[in-house]
Protein backbone atom coordinates (compact mmCIF):
# COMPACT_ATOMS: atom_id res chain seq x y z
CA MET A 1 0.00 0.00 0.00
CA LYS A 2 2.83 2.43 0.86
CA LYS A 3 4.55 1.66 -2.43
CA THR A 4 1.39 2.52 -4.41
CA THR A 5 0.87 5.79 -2.55
CA TRP A 6 4.50 6.76 -3.03
CA LEU A 7 4.38 5.92 -6.75
CA LEU A 8 1.13 7.84 -7.19
CA SER A 9 2.72 10.87 -5.49
CA ILE A 10 5.66 10.78 -7.88
CA VAL A 11 3.37 10.54 -10.89
CA ILE A 12 1.24 13.48 -9.70
CA CYS A 13 4.33 15.60 -9.04
CA GLY A 14 5.65 14.77 -12.49
CA LEU A 15 2.38 15.72 -14.13
CA LEU A 16 2.24 18.99 -12.21
CA ALA A 17 5.77 19.80 -13.27
CA LEU A 18 4.94 19.10 -16.92
CA GLY A 19 1.69 21.04 -16.67
CA GLY A 20 3.49 24.08 -15.29
CA ALA A 21 6.05 23.99 -18.08
CA GLY A 22 3.29 23.65 -20.66
CA CYS A 23 1.41 26.61 -19.23
CA LYS A 24 4.51 28.78 -19.23
CA LYS A 25 5.25 27.93 -22.84
CA LYS A 26 1.66 28.60 -23.83
CA ASP A 27 1.63 31.97 -22.07
CA THR A 28 4.71 33.21 -23.89
CA ALA A 29 3.38 31.94 -27.21
CA SER A 30 0.02 33.63 -26.69
CA SER A 31 1.35 37.11 -25.94
CA GLY A 32 0.78 39.86 -28.46
CA SER A 33 -2.06 40.60 -30.84
CA PRO A 34 -3.74 37.77 -32.72
CA GLN A 35 -2.69 37.54 -36.35
CA THR A 36 -5.60 35.45 -37.66
CA LEU A 37 -9.29 35.30 -36.92
CA GLN A 38 -8.88 31.80 -35.51
CA GLN A 39 -6.15 32.97 -33.10
CA GLY A 40 -8.28 35.93 -32.12
CA MET A 41 -11.32 33.79 -31.39
CA THR A 42 -9.26 31.36 -29.33
CA LYS A 43 -7.92 34.23 -27.23
CA LEU A 44 -11.34 35.86 -26.99
CA ARG A 45 -13.01 32.66 -25.78
CA ALA A 46 -10.34 32.30 -23.11
CA ALA A 47 -10.59 35.94 -22.05
CA LEU A 48 -14.39 35.81 -21.77
CA ILE A 49 -14.65 32.41 -20.08
CA ASN A 50 -16.09 33.96 -16.90
CA ALA A 51 -18.00 36.79 -18.56
CA ALA A 52 -21.69 37.53 -18.07
CA PRO A 53 -24.23 35.13 -19.64
CA ASP A 54 -25.28 37.66 -22.30
CA VAL A 55 -21.65 38.03 -23.38
CA GLN A 56 -21.29 34.23 -23.58
CA SER A 57 -24.49 33.99 -25.61
CA ASN A 58 -23.34 36.64 -28.07
CA LEU A 59 -19.93 35.01 -28.33
CA TYR A 60 -21.10 31.49 -29.06
CA SER A 61 -24.50 32.01 -30.70
CA GLY A 62 -23.60 35.21 -32.49
CA VAL A 63 -19.91 35.48 -33.28
CA ASP A 64 -18.95 31.81 -33.54
CA ARG A 65 -22.07 30.95 -35.52
CA GLY A 66 -21.60 33.92 -37.85
CA ILE A 67 -17.99 32.97 -38.55
CA ARG A 68 -18.81 29.30 -39.04
CA TYR A 69 -21.45 30.07 -41.66
CA GLY A 70 -19.69 33.03 -43.27
CA GLN A 71 -22.28 35.48 -41.94
CA TYR A 72 -19.83 38.21 -41.00
CA PRO A 73 -22.36 41.05 -40.60
CA GLU A 74 -24.17 38.97 -37.95
CA ALA A 75 -20.87 38.15 -36.27
CA LEU A 76 -19.91 41.84 -36.25
CA ALA A 77 -23.28 42.80 -34.76
CA ALA A 78 -22.72 40.25 -31.97
CA MET A 79 -19.22 41.66 -31.40
CA ASP A 80 -20.73 45.14 -31.05
CA ARG A 81 -23.11 43.82 -28.39
CA ILE A 82 -20.16 42.24 -26.55
CA ALA A 83 -18.11 45.44 -26.81
CA SER A 84 -20.94 47.50 -25.31
CA ASN A 85 -21.09 45.32 -22.18
CA PRO A 86 -20.01 47.45 -19.20
CA GLY A 87 -18.64 44.42 -17.34
CA LEU A 88 -15.61 43.97 -19.60
CA ASN A 89 -12.17 44.91 -18.32
CA GLU A 90 -9.62 46.82 -20.40
CA GLN A 91 -7.82 43.69 -21.63
CA GLN A 92 -11.12 42.14 -22.76
CA LYS A 93 -12.17 45.36 -24.51
CA LYS A 94 -8.83 45.52 -26.32
CA LEU A 95 -9.16 41.92 -27.47
CA VAL A 96 -12.77 42.47 -28.59
CA ASN A 97 -11.57 45.41 -30.71
CA GLU A 98 -8.72 43.37 -32.21
CA VAL A 99 -11.03 40.49 -33.13
CA THR A 100 -13.57 42.95 -34.54
CA GLU A 101 -10.88 44.29 -36.88
CA LEU A 102 -10.00 40.73 -37.96
CA LEU A 103 -13.70 40.08 -38.60
CA LYS A 104 -13.95 43.22 -40.71
CA GLN A 105 -10.98 42.06 -42.79
CA ALA A 106 -12.60 38.65 -43.29
CA ALA A 107 -15.86 40.32 -44.34
CA GLU A 108 -14.00 42.49 -46.86
CA LYS A 109 -12.24 39.45 -48.31
CA GLN A 110 -15.56 37.65 -48.60
CA GLN A 111 -17.14 40.61 -50.38
CA GLY A 112 -14.14 40.89 -52.70
CA ALA A 113 -14.37 37.21 -53.57
CA ALA A 114 -18.12 37.48 -54.21
CA ALA A 115 -17.78 40.50 -56.49
CA PRO A 116 -17.84 39.59 -60.19
CA ALA A 117 -14.60 40.16 -62.09
CA GLN A 118 -14.78 43.00 -64.59
């Protein structure tokens, strides 16, 4: 019984050590502004994980759904509703603005691709 407890303790310590190293690496890799819409949405989901229910609803039902189906105006409208929430902190507001800009770029690309060549 003592051997099992001791072995389990070593395994848990090892996992904690690896988890800490993984988190540190992830933090340094995730610093800075997102370069793609996918990166931006990943960061935004993480930043708004504990946000108010209306923010969560707009994020998942509005923004994610709009992006998934190429409905960028709907996604942008949902981002505006998120941005107007008074419960956001400065970091969240900054990230919302960055992702909004990435969404606008994606919408422009979509419109450019849909326009007939002349």
